[in-house]
């Protein structure tokens, strides 16, 4: 039977190599290298996802008057414009998902547009959000301005929901406790 231990030539110092120990050592190094590569790939993937997620989230929005006053925003770049719906401006053909409307500046805690505010024409193709026609809602349009047609082409519509207490105070200041001019009693 052949021994698993190997010896060198006669006259040289004897070096015994255990084949199992050598295989275990190379297997450990191989597994360690695989683990390092796996951790590196996962770290790179997570870093890319974080990098890819931030550009959309860091996009700020301007109100309608800021947008209309700044011609540098009219170059077709994607941006967000916030305001309130001019209810008399909404148009949609029957059976179509395409709509046109105007957006103006919204006064804080008051339904509708600021009296005398300028409006911006916008278009959207798709289903409108539930609170789009609520006069208390603030509408944020995401898209780009087409200088040729003078219309803001909307890709996405976000609606900021109003607080139910703000809307009650604005509509009925005499009924809601704590509202300006309202009764100071509790329920």
C-alpha atoms as a PDB file:
ATOM      1  CA  UNK A   1       0.000   0.000   0.000  1.00  0.00           C
ATOM      2  CA  UNK A   2       1.183   3.411  -0.823  1.00  0.00           C
ATOM      3  CA  UNK A   3       1.477   5.898   1.999  1.00  0.00           C
ATOM      4  CA  UNK A   4      -0.334   9.216   1.911  1.00  0.00           C
ATOM      5  CA  UNK A   5       2.812  10.872   3.262  1.00  0.00           C
ATOM      6  CA  UNK A   6       5.533  11.788   0.829  1.00  0.00           C
ATOM      7  CA  UNK A   7       9.254  12.025   1.536  1.00  0.00           C
ATOM      8  CA  UNK A   8      12.039  13.777  -0.291  1.00  0.00           C
ATOM      9  CA  UNK A   9      15.115  12.097  -1.762  1.00  0.00           C
ATOM     10  CA  UNK A  10      17.517  10.319   0.511  1.00  0.00           C
ATOM     11  CA  UNK A  11      20.012  12.613   2.163  1.00  0.00           C
ATOM     12  CA  UNK A  12      17.650  15.611   2.265  1.00  0.00           C
ATOM     13  CA  UNK A  13      15.676  16.560   5.295  1.00  0.00           C
ATOM     14  CA  UNK A  14      12.397  14.705   5.393  1.00  0.00           C
ATOM     15  CA  UNK A  15       9.365  16.864   4.740  1.00  0.00           C
ATOM     16  CA  UNK A  16       6.074  15.208   5.249  1.00  0.00           C
ATOM     17  CA  UNK A  17       3.121  16.705   3.452  1.00  0.00           C
ATOM     18  CA  UNK A  18      -0.334  15.718   4.418  1.00  0.00           C
ATOM     19  CA  UNK A  19      -2.496  15.758   1.282  1.00  0.00           C
ATOM     20  CA  UNK A  20      -5.714  16.262   3.245  1.00  0.00           C
ATOM     21  CA  UNK A  21      -4.300  19.258   5.125  1.00  0.00           C
ATOM     22  CA  UNK A  22      -3.148  20.841   1.857  1.00  0.00           C
ATOM     23  CA  UNK A  23      -6.557  20.351   0.253  1.00  0.00           C
ATOM     24  CA  UNK A  24      -8.269  21.812   3.309  1.00  0.00           C
ATOM     25  CA  UNK A  25      -5.947  24.842   3.265  1.00  0.00           C
ATOM     26  CA  UNK A  26      -6.561  25.558  -0.436  1.00  0.00           C
ATOM     27  CA  UNK A  27     -10.313  25.000   0.028  1.00  0.00           C
ATOM     28  CA  UNK A  28     -10.367  27.514   2.892  1.00  0.00           C
ATOM     29  CA  UNK A  29      -8.506  30.083   0.781  1.00  0.00           C
ATOM     30  CA  UNK A  30     -10.873  29.446  -2.117  1.00  0.00           C
ATOM     31  CA  UNK A  31     -13.967  29.897   0.067  1.00  0.00           C
ATOM     32  CA  UNK A  32     -12.518  33.044   1.612  1.00  0.00           C
ATOM     33  CA  UNK A  33     -11.824  34.503  -1.831  1.00  0.00           C
ATOM     34  CA  UNK A  34     -15.368  33.665  -2.944  1.00  0.00           C
ATOM     35  CA  UNK A  35     -16.791  35.357   0.149  1.00  0.00           C
ATOM     36  CA  UNK A  36     -14.728  38.513  -0.463  1.00  0.00           C
ATOM     37  CA  UNK A  37     -15.876  38.661  -4.087  1.00  0.00           C
ATOM     38  CA  UNK A  38     -19.517  38.119  -3.082  1.00  0.00           C
ATOM     39  CA  UNK A  39     -19.391  40.872  -0.449  1.00  0.00           C
ATOM     40  CA  UNK A  40     -17.784  43.225  -2.994  1.00  0.00           C
ATOM     41  CA  UNK A  41     -20.446  42.539  -5.613  1.00  0.00           C
ATOM     42  CA  UNK A  42     -23.243  43.086  -3.071  1.00  0.00           C
ATOM     43  CA  UNK A  43     -21.647  46.343  -1.892  1.00  0.00           C
ATOM     44  CA  UNK A  44     -21.379  47.607  -5.471  1.00  0.00           C
ATOM     45  CA  UNK A  45     -25.013  46.661  -6.170  1.00  0.00           C
ATOM     46  CA  UNK A  46     -26.256  48.483  -3.068  1.00  0.00           C
ATOM     47  CA  UNK A  47     -24.152  51.554  -3.913  1.00  0.00           C
ATOM     48  CA  UNK A  48     -25.597  51.640  -7.432  1.00  0.00           C
ATOM     49  CA  UNK A  49     -29.176  51.343  -6.153  1.00  0.00           C
ATOM     50  CA  UNK A  50     -28.625  54.225  -3.728  1.00  0.00           C
ATOM     51  CA  UNK A  51     -27.077  56.332  -6.495  1.00  0.00           C
ATOM     52  CA  UNK A  52     -29.918  55.528  -8.917  1.00  0.00           C
ATOM     53  CA  UNK A  53     -32.618  56.270  -6.332  1.00  0.00           C
ATOM     54  CA  UNK A  54     -31.532  59.779  -5.381  1.00  0.00           C
ATOM     55  CA  UNK A  55     -31.806  61.797  -8.621  1.00  0.00           C
ATOM     56  CA  UNK A  56     -35.606  61.336  -8.733  1.00  0.00           C
ATOM     57  CA  UNK A  57     -36.043  62.123  -5.067  1.00  0.00           C
ATOM     58  CA  UNK A  58     -33.916  65.256  -5.060  1.00  0.00           C
ATOM     59  CA  UNK A  59     -35.960  66.918  -7.776  1.00  0.00           C
ATOM     60  CA  UNK A  60     -37.475  70.018  -6.217  1.00  0.00           C
ATOM     61  CA  UNK A  61     -40.655  71.747  -7.324  1.00  0.00           C
ATOM     62  CA  UNK A  62     -41.531  75.365  -8.028  1.00  0.00           C
ATOM     63  CA  UNK A  63     -44.887  77.094  -7.891  1.00  0.00           C
ATOM     64  CA  UNK A  64     -46.599  78.353 -11.038  1.00  0.00           C
ATOM     65  CA  UNK A  65     -45.476  81.997 -10.765  1.00  0.00           C
ATOM     66  CA  UNK A  66     -41.831  80.942 -10.175  1.00  0.00           C
ATOM     67  CA  UNK A  67     -42.041  78.720 -13.238  1.00  0.00           C
ATOM     68  CA  UNK A  68     -43.565  81.422 -15.445  1.00  0.00           C
ATOM     69  CA  UNK A  69     -41.034  84.039 -14.258  1.00  0.00           C
ATOM     70  CA  UNK A  70     -37.928  81.886 -14.881  1.00  0.00           C
ATOM     71  CA  UNK A  71     -37.285  81.282 -18.606  1.00  0.00           C
ATOM     72  CA  UNK A  72     -34.383  78.931 -17.808  1.00  0.00           C
ATOM     73  CA  UNK A  73     -36.985  76.374 -16.687  1.00  0.00           C
ATOM     74  CA  UNK A  74     -38.647  76.444 -20.122  1.00  0.00           C
ATOM     75  CA  UNK A  75     -35.877  74.467 -21.865  1.00  0.00           C
ATOM     76  CA  UNK A  76     -37.637  71.095 -21.814  1.00  0.00           C
ATOM     77  CA  UNK A  77     -35.992  69.746 -18.655  1.00  0.00           C
ATOM     78  CA  UNK A  78     -38.067  67.515 -16.390  1.00  0.00           C
ATOM     79  CA  UNK A  79     -39.273  69.351 -13.302  1.00  0.00           C
ATOM     80  CA  UNK A  80     -42.184  69.605 -10.880  1.00  0.00           C
ATOM     81  CA  UNK A  81     -44.614  72.513 -10.731  1.00  0.00           C
ATOM     82  CA  UNK A  82     -47.039  72.923  -7.806  1.00  0.00           C
ATOM     83  CA  UNK A  83     -50.300  74.815  -7.732  1.00  0.00           C
ATOM     84  CA  UNK A  84     -54.083  74.564  -7.670  1.00  0.00           C
ATOM     85  CA  UNK A  85     -56.484  73.625 -10.430  1.00  0.00           C
ATOM     86  CA  UNK A  86     -58.432  76.346 -12.189  1.00  0.00           C
ATOM     87  CA  UNK A  87     -61.752  74.434 -12.210  1.00  0.00           C
ATOM     88  CA  UNK A  88     -63.183  76.349 -15.191  1.00  0.00           C
ATOM     89  CA  UNK A  89     -60.240  75.350 -17.389  1.00  0.00           C
ATOM     90  CA  UNK A  90     -60.572  71.558 -17.345  1.00  0.00           C
ATOM     91  CA  UNK A  91     -61.335  70.000 -20.753  1.00  0.00           C
ATOM     92  CA  UNK A  92     -61.508  66.361 -21.827  1.00  0.00           C
ATOM     93  CA  UNK A  93     -62.959  64.850 -24.959  1.00  0.00           C
ATOM     94  CA  UNK A  94     -65.587  62.153 -24.388  1.00  0.00           C
ATOM     95  CA  UNK A  95     -64.066  58.673 -24.266  1.00  0.00           C
ATOM     96  CA  UNK A  96     -60.519  60.010 -24.213  1.00  0.00           C
ATOM     97  CA  UNK A  97     -57.849  59.817 -21.520  1.00  0.00           C
ATOM     98  CA  UNK A  98     -56.285  63.062 -22.752  1.00  0.00           C
ATOM     99  CA  UNK A  99     -57.067  66.174 -20.714  1.00  0.00           C
ATOM    100  CA  UNK A 100     -56.080  69.851 -20.708  1.00  0.00           C
ATOM    101  CA  UNK A 101     -56.321  72.200 -17.768  1.00  0.00           C
ATOM    102  CA  UNK A 102     -54.731  75.237 -16.177  1.00  0.00           C
ATOM    103  CA  UNK A 103     -52.817  75.409 -12.919  1.00  0.00           C
ATOM    104  CA  UNK A 104     -52.304  78.550 -10.835  1.00  0.00           C
ATOM    105  CA  UNK A 105     -50.753  79.499  -7.504  1.00  0.00           C
ATOM    106  CA  UNK A 106     -52.477  78.108  -4.401  1.00  0.00           C
ATOM    107  CA  UNK A 107     -52.962  80.095  -1.252  1.00  0.00           C
ATOM    108  CA  UNK A 108     -52.057  78.248   1.950  1.00  0.00           C
ATOM    109  CA  UNK A 109     -55.037  76.778   3.877  1.00  0.00           C
ATOM    110  CA  UNK A 110     -57.554  78.394   1.495  1.00  0.00           C
ATOM    111  CA  UNK A 111     -59.313  76.439  -1.242  1.00  0.00           C
ATOM    112  CA  UNK A 112     -58.692  77.300  -4.876  1.00  0.00           C
ATOM    113  CA  UNK A 113     -56.420  79.748  -6.632  1.00  0.00           C
ATOM    114  CA  UNK A 114     -54.996  82.991  -5.333  1.00  0.00           C
ATOM    115  CA  UNK A 115     -57.255  85.702  -6.790  1.00  0.00           C
ATOM    116  CA  UNK A 116     -55.636  87.236  -9.870  1.00  0.00           C
ATOM    117  CA  UNK A 117     -52.831  84.651 -10.083  1.00  0.00           C
ATOM    118  CA  UNK A 118     -51.392  83.740 -13.451  1.00  0.00           C
ATOM    119  CA  UNK A 119     -52.113  80.277 -14.794  1.00  0.00           C
ATOM    120  CA  UNK A 120     -50.095  77.744 -16.752  1.00  0.00           C
ATOM    121  CA  UNK A 121     -51.675  75.504 -19.400  1.00  0.00           C
ATOM    122  CA  UNK A 122     -50.984  71.789 -18.927  1.00  0.00           C
ATOM    123  CA  UNK A 123     -51.876  68.520 -20.612  1.00  0.00           C
ATOM    124  CA  UNK A 124     -52.030  64.973 -19.299  1.00  0.00           C
ATOM    125  CA  UNK A 125     -52.858  61.590 -20.779  1.00  0.00           C
ATOM    126  CA  UNK A 126     -54.048  59.042 -18.232  1.00  0.00           C
ATOM    127  CA  UNK A 127     -56.293  58.510 -15.242  1.00  0.00           C
ATOM    128  CA  UNK A 128     -56.462  61.485 -12.908  1.00  0.00           C
ATOM    129  CA  UNK A 129     -55.929  61.009  -9.144  1.00  0.00           C
ATOM    130  CA  UNK A 130     -59.012  60.890  -6.897  1.00  0.00           C
ATOM    131  CA  UNK A 131     -58.446  64.262  -5.209  1.00  0.00           C
ATOM    132  CA  UNK A 132     -57.535  66.116  -8.411  1.00  0.00           C
ATOM    133  CA  UNK A 133     -60.738  68.207  -8.378  1.00  0.00           C
ATOM    134  CA  UNK A 134     -60.717  68.880  -4.608  1.00  0.00           C
ATOM    135  CA  UNK A 135     -60.315  72.669  -4.188  1.00  0.00           C
ATOM    136  CA  UNK A 136     -58.215  72.132  -1.034  1.00  0.00           C
ATOM    137  CA  UNK A 137     -55.648  69.887  -2.755  1.00  0.00           C
ATOM    138  CA  UNK A 138     -52.285  71.046  -3.960  1.00  0.00           C
ATOM    139  CA  UNK A 139     -51.439  69.515  -7.334  1.00  0.00           C
ATOM    140  CA  UNK A 140     -47.858  68.779  -8.349  1.00  0.00           C
ATOM    141  CA  UNK A 141     -47.241  68.193 -12.050  1.00  0.00           C
ATOM    142  CA  UNK A 142     -44.107  66.340 -13.104  1.00  0.00           C
ATOM    143  CA  UNK A 143     -43.085  66.802 -16.722  1.00  0.00           C
ATOM    144  CA  UNK A 144     -41.550  69.284 -19.139  1.00  0.00           C
ATOM    145  CA  UNK A 145     -42.577  72.512 -20.817  1.00  0.00           C
ATOM    146  CA  UNK A 146     -43.037  72.591 -24.577  1.00  0.00           C
ATOM    147  CA  UNK A 147     -42.130  76.164 -25.531  1.00  0.00           C
ATOM    148  CA  UNK A 148     -43.540  75.706 -29.055  1.00  0.00           C
ATOM    149  CA  UNK A 149     -47.090  74.983 -27.903  1.00  0.00           C
ATOM    150  CA  UNK A 150     -46.867  76.826 -24.572  1.00  0.00           C
ATOM    151  CA  UNK A 151     -48.183  73.773 -22.729  1.00  0.00           C
ATOM    152  CA  UNK A 152     -46.643  71.884 -19.820  1.00  0.00           C
ATOM    153  CA  UNK A 153     -46.639  68.208 -20.893  1.00  0.00           C
ATOM    154  CA  UNK A 154     -47.326  66.254 -17.711  1.00  0.00           C
ATOM    155  CA  UNK A 155     -45.917  62.757 -17.234  1.00  0.00           C
ATOM    156  CA  UNK A 156     -47.080  62.251 -13.648  1.00  0.00           C
ATOM    157  CA  UNK A 157     -49.545  63.984 -11.313  1.00  0.00           C
ATOM    158  CA  UNK A 158     -49.126  64.014  -7.533  1.00  0.00           C
ATOM    159  CA  UNK A 159     -51.850  65.361  -5.269  1.00  0.00           C
ATOM    160  CA  UNK A 160     -51.020  66.541  -1.769  1.00  0.00           C
ATOM    161  CA  UNK A 161     -54.005  65.692   0.363  1.00  0.00           C
ATOM    162  CA  UNK A 162     -55.330  68.497   2.547  1.00  0.00           C
ATOM    163  CA  UNK A 163     -55.778  68.018   6.252  1.00  0.00           C
ATOM    164  CA  UNK A 164     -59.436  67.493   7.096  1.00  0.00           C
ATOM    165  CA  UNK A 165     -59.102  69.987   9.951  1.00  0.00           C
ATOM    166  CA  UNK A 166     -57.698  72.705   7.717  1.00  0.00           C
ATOM    167  CA  UNK A 167     -60.563  72.291   5.266  1.00  0.00           C
ATOM    168  CA  UNK A 168     -63.155  72.428   8.076  1.00  0.00           C
ATOM    169  CA  UNK A 169     -61.584  75.586   9.505  1.00  0.00           C
ATOM    170  CA  UNK A 170     -61.453  77.279   6.109  1.00  0.00           C
ATOM    171  CA  UNK A 171     -65.096  76.464   5.291  1.00  0.00           C
ATOM    172  CA  UNK A 172     -66.650  76.893   8.755  1.00  0.00           C
ATOM    173  CA  UNK A 173     -64.558  79.121  11.020  1.00  0.00           C
ATOM    174  CA  UNK A 174     -67.538  79.715  13.353  1.00  0.00           C
ATOM    175  CA  UNK A 175     -68.111  76.014  14.012  1.00  0.00           C
ATOM    176  CA  UNK A 176     -64.644  74.554  14.484  1.00  0.00           C
ATOM    177  CA  UNK A 177     -63.191  75.227  17.963  1.00  0.00           C
ATOM    178  CA  UNK A 178     -59.901  77.119  17.821  1.00  0.00           C
ATOM    179  CA  UNK A 179     -60.504  78.532  14.348  1.00  0.00           C
ATOM    180  CA  UNK A 180     -60.161  82.261  13.791  1.00  0.00           C
ATOM    181  CA  UNK A 181     -63.383  83.881  14.973  1.00  0.00           C
ATOM    182  CA  UNK A 182     -64.782  80.532  16.106  1.00  0.00           C
ATOM    183  CA  UNK A 183     -66.254  79.618  19.467  1.00  0.00           C
ATOM    184  CA  UNK A 184     -63.710  78.746  22.100  1.00  0.00           C
ATOM    185  CA  UNK A 185     -65.706  75.960  23.705  1.00  0.00           C
ATOM    186  CA  UNK A 186     -64.926  72.270  23.381  1.00  0.00           C
ATOM    187  CA  UNK A 187     -67.124  69.467  22.148  1.00  0.00           C
END
